[in-house]
Amino acid sequence: MSRFKNKEKRTVPQPPSGSLSDIVFMLLFFFMVTTTMRETENKVVVRLPEASEIAKLERKDLSSYINIGTPIRSLQGQYGNDSRIQLNDSFKTVNEIRDFIAAERDAMSEADRSFMTVVIKADESTRMGIVTDVKQELRKCSALKIMYTARKPADE
């Protein structure tokens, strides 16, 4: 005959929580190390124009950004309402683009310099004369790979 056991209420053991804090801190440390913060602060308002064809930038680490637009509201008293050129974190003139491109090239490795792309983020209401002046200055300093930032049309 079989032996009958007492039908005591069995409890499920709790998972060990001693290593839980280690796992949480490892995840926290991982995300702190791998997250990149925004390097520059936008000081111009840029509403991107619509484009019919859009291609994604393959290597963003090889791109240098030139923002063109009206200054943000808090800086309009100092800089006015006209379109301005922002390189990194400051407003510059067209003549200072050469120094900016030279500094960006120096920061890259020798092998990556030929793949450098200049990305122009221009507001849709910016006069084309400013964009043309920027393009002419980029041509003078042999930065010939230019990409314009745009947004997808709203109907898609």
Protein backbone atom coordinates (compact mmCIF):
# COMPACT_ATOMS: atom_id res chain seq x y z
CA MET A 1 0.00 0.00 0.00
CA SER A 2 1.01 3.51 -0.51
CA ARG A 3 1.96 5.85 2.15
CA PHE A 4 -0.11 8.99 2.48
CA LYS A 5 1.59 12.24 3.32
CA ASN A 6 0.13 14.99 5.35
CA LYS A 7 -1.47 17.57 3.15
CA GLU A 8 0.33 20.53 4.56
CA LYS A 9 0.19 23.77 2.72
CA ARG A 10 3.31 24.09 0.63
CA THR A 11 4.77 27.56 0.06
CA VAL A 12 6.76 28.67 -2.92
CA PRO A 13 10.19 29.86 -1.85
CA GLN A 14 10.96 33.53 -2.52
CA PRO A 15 13.66 34.26 -5.11
CA PRO A 16 16.88 35.48 -3.57
CA SER A 17 16.96 39.27 -3.53
CA GLY A 18 20.57 39.64 -2.44
CA SER A 19 21.93 39.93 -5.97
CA LEU A 20 19.03 42.04 -7.24
CA SER A 21 20.71 45.28 -6.20
CA ASP A 22 23.90 44.23 -8.02
CA ILE A 23 21.95 43.65 -11.22
CA VAL A 24 20.19 47.01 -10.93
CA PHE A 25 23.48 48.84 -10.41
CA MET A 26 25.11 47.02 -13.33
CA LEU A 27 22.25 48.08 -15.62
CA LEU A 28 22.41 51.63 -14.31
CA PHE A 29 26.16 51.77 -14.89
CA PHE A 30 25.78 50.31 -18.39
CA PHE A 31 23.26 52.96 -19.44
CA MET A 32 25.31 55.75 -17.89
CA VAL A 33 28.37 54.69 -19.88
CA THR A 34 26.66 54.08 -23.23
CA THR A 35 24.34 57.09 -23.30
CA THR A 36 25.61 60.13 -25.17
CA MET A 37 24.39 63.53 -24.20
CA ARG A 38 23.65 66.29 -26.68
CA GLU A 39 26.91 68.07 -27.39
CA THR A 40 25.50 71.37 -28.57
CA GLU A 41 22.53 73.44 -27.54
CA ASN A 42 20.25 74.76 -30.26
CA LYS A 43 20.31 78.54 -30.19
CA VAL A 44 18.32 78.96 -33.39
CA VAL A 45 14.78 77.94 -34.24
CA VAL A 46 14.81 75.52 -37.16
CA ARG A 47 11.58 74.33 -38.75
CA LEU A 48 12.78 71.89 -41.34
CA PRO A 49 11.43 72.11 -44.90
CA GLU A 50 9.63 69.16 -46.45
CA ALA A 51 11.44 66.95 -48.92
CA SER A 52 10.20 64.53 -51.54
CA GLU A 53 13.14 62.14 -51.18
CA ILE A 54 14.93 61.46 -47.93
CA ALA A 55 18.11 59.46 -47.33
CA LYS A 56 19.47 58.59 -43.92
CA LEU A 57 22.95 59.61 -42.87
CA GLU A 58 25.05 56.47 -42.48
CA ARG A 59 27.69 57.63 -40.00
CA LYS A 60 26.62 60.52 -37.84
CA ASP A 61 29.98 60.65 -36.08
CA LEU A 62 31.57 61.89 -39.33
CA SER A 63 29.16 64.79 -39.73
CA SER A 64 29.49 68.42 -38.72
CA TYR A 65 26.35 70.47 -38.25
CA ILE A 66 25.65 74.04 -39.35
CA ASN A 67 22.33 75.42 -38.07
CA ILE A 68 20.78 78.42 -39.82
CA GLY A 69 17.68 80.14 -38.48
CA THR A 70 16.32 82.88 -36.29
CA PRO A 71 17.66 83.00 -32.72
CA ILE A 72 15.51 81.53 -29.97
CA ARG A 73 13.18 83.93 -28.18
CA SER A 74 15.50 84.51 -25.21
CA LEU A 75 18.37 85.56 -27.52
CA GLN A 76 16.38 87.73 -29.94
CA GLY A 77 16.96 90.86 -27.84
CA GLN A 78 20.70 90.41 -28.21
CA TYR A 79 20.95 89.08 -31.79
CA GLY A 80 17.76 90.31 -33.48
CA ASN A 81 15.23 88.48 -35.63
CA ASP A 82 17.36 87.91 -38.73
CA SER A 83 18.66 84.46 -39.60
CA ARG A 84 21.95 83.60 -37.95
CA ILE A 85 24.53 80.84 -38.41
CA GLN A 86 25.20 78.60 -35.42
CA LEU A 87 28.39 76.54 -35.33
CA ASN A 88 28.64 74.34 -32.23
CA ASP A 89 27.38 76.48 -29.33
CA SER A 90 27.90 79.98 -30.69
CA PHE A 91 26.80 82.30 -33.46
CA LYS A 92 29.39 82.84 -36.16
CA THR A 93 29.72 84.65 -39.45
CA VAL A 94 30.24 83.12 -42.87
CA ASN A 95 33.96 83.95 -42.70
CA GLU A 96 34.42 81.79 -39.59
CA ILE A 97 33.18 78.62 -41.29
CA ARG A 98 36.70 77.81 -42.55
CA ASP A 99 38.06 77.70 -39.00
CA PHE A 100 35.11 75.54 -37.92
CA ILE A 101 35.68 73.01 -40.73
CA ALA A 102 39.43 72.93 -40.04
CA ALA A 103 38.81 72.24 -36.35
CA GLU A 104 36.28 69.51 -37.15
CA ARG A 105 38.75 67.84 -39.54
CA ASP A 106 41.53 67.98 -36.97
CA ALA A 107 39.29 66.22 -34.45
CA MET A 108 38.82 63.27 -36.84
CA SER A 109 41.24 60.50 -37.59
CA GLU A 110 43.28 60.70 -40.77
CA ALA A 111 41.32 57.87 -42.43
CA ASP A 112 37.91 59.43 -41.70
CA ARG A 113 38.62 62.95 -42.93
CA SER A 114 37.72 62.12 -46.53
CA PHE A 115 34.30 60.87 -45.39
CA MET A 116 33.38 64.03 -43.48
CA THR A 117 29.90 65.33 -44.31
CA VAL A 118 28.63 68.82 -43.52
CA VAL A 119 24.96 68.80 -42.55
CA ILE A 120 23.08 72.05 -43.06
CA LYS A 121 19.97 72.43 -40.90
CA ALA A 122 18.29 75.52 -42.30
CA ASP A 123 14.91 76.92 -41.33
CA GLU A 124 12.36 76.81 -44.14
CA SER A 125 11.91 80.60 -43.96
CA THR A 126 15.65 81.36 -44.19
CA ARG A 127 16.67 83.39 -47.21
CA MET A 128 18.51 81.33 -49.80
CA GLY A 129 21.27 83.95 -49.97
CA ILE A 130 22.60 82.91 -46.55
CA VAL A 131 22.56 79.24 -47.52
CA THR A 132 24.37 80.06 -50.78
CA ASP A 133 27.01 82.04 -48.89
CA VAL A 134 27.56 79.08 -46.56
CA LYS A 135 27.84 76.71 -49.52
CA GLN A 136 30.36 78.98 -51.25
CA GLU A 137 32.48 79.13 -48.09
CA LEU A 138 32.32 75.33 -47.75
CA ARG A 139 33.46 75.03 -51.35
CA LYS A 140 36.46 77.28 -50.62
CA CYS A 141 37.60 75.04 -47.76
CA SER A 142 37.03 71.83 -49.81
CA ALA A 143 34.12 70.53 -47.75
CA LEU A 144 32.23 69.21 -50.76
CA LYS A 145 30.00 66.57 -49.14
CA ILE A 146 26.92 68.50 -48.06
CA MET A 147 23.63 67.11 -46.82
CA TYR A 148 20.49 69.10 -46.05
CA THR A 149 18.25 68.10 -43.17
CA ALA A 150 14.56 67.87 -44.06
CA ARG A 151 11.37 66.29 -42.79
CA LYS A 152 8.99 63.91 -44.47
CA PRO A 153 5.85 65.40 -46.00
CA ALA A 154 2.85 65.44 -43.68
CA ASP A 155 0.61 63.44 -46.04
CA GLU A 156 2.78 60.29 -45.83
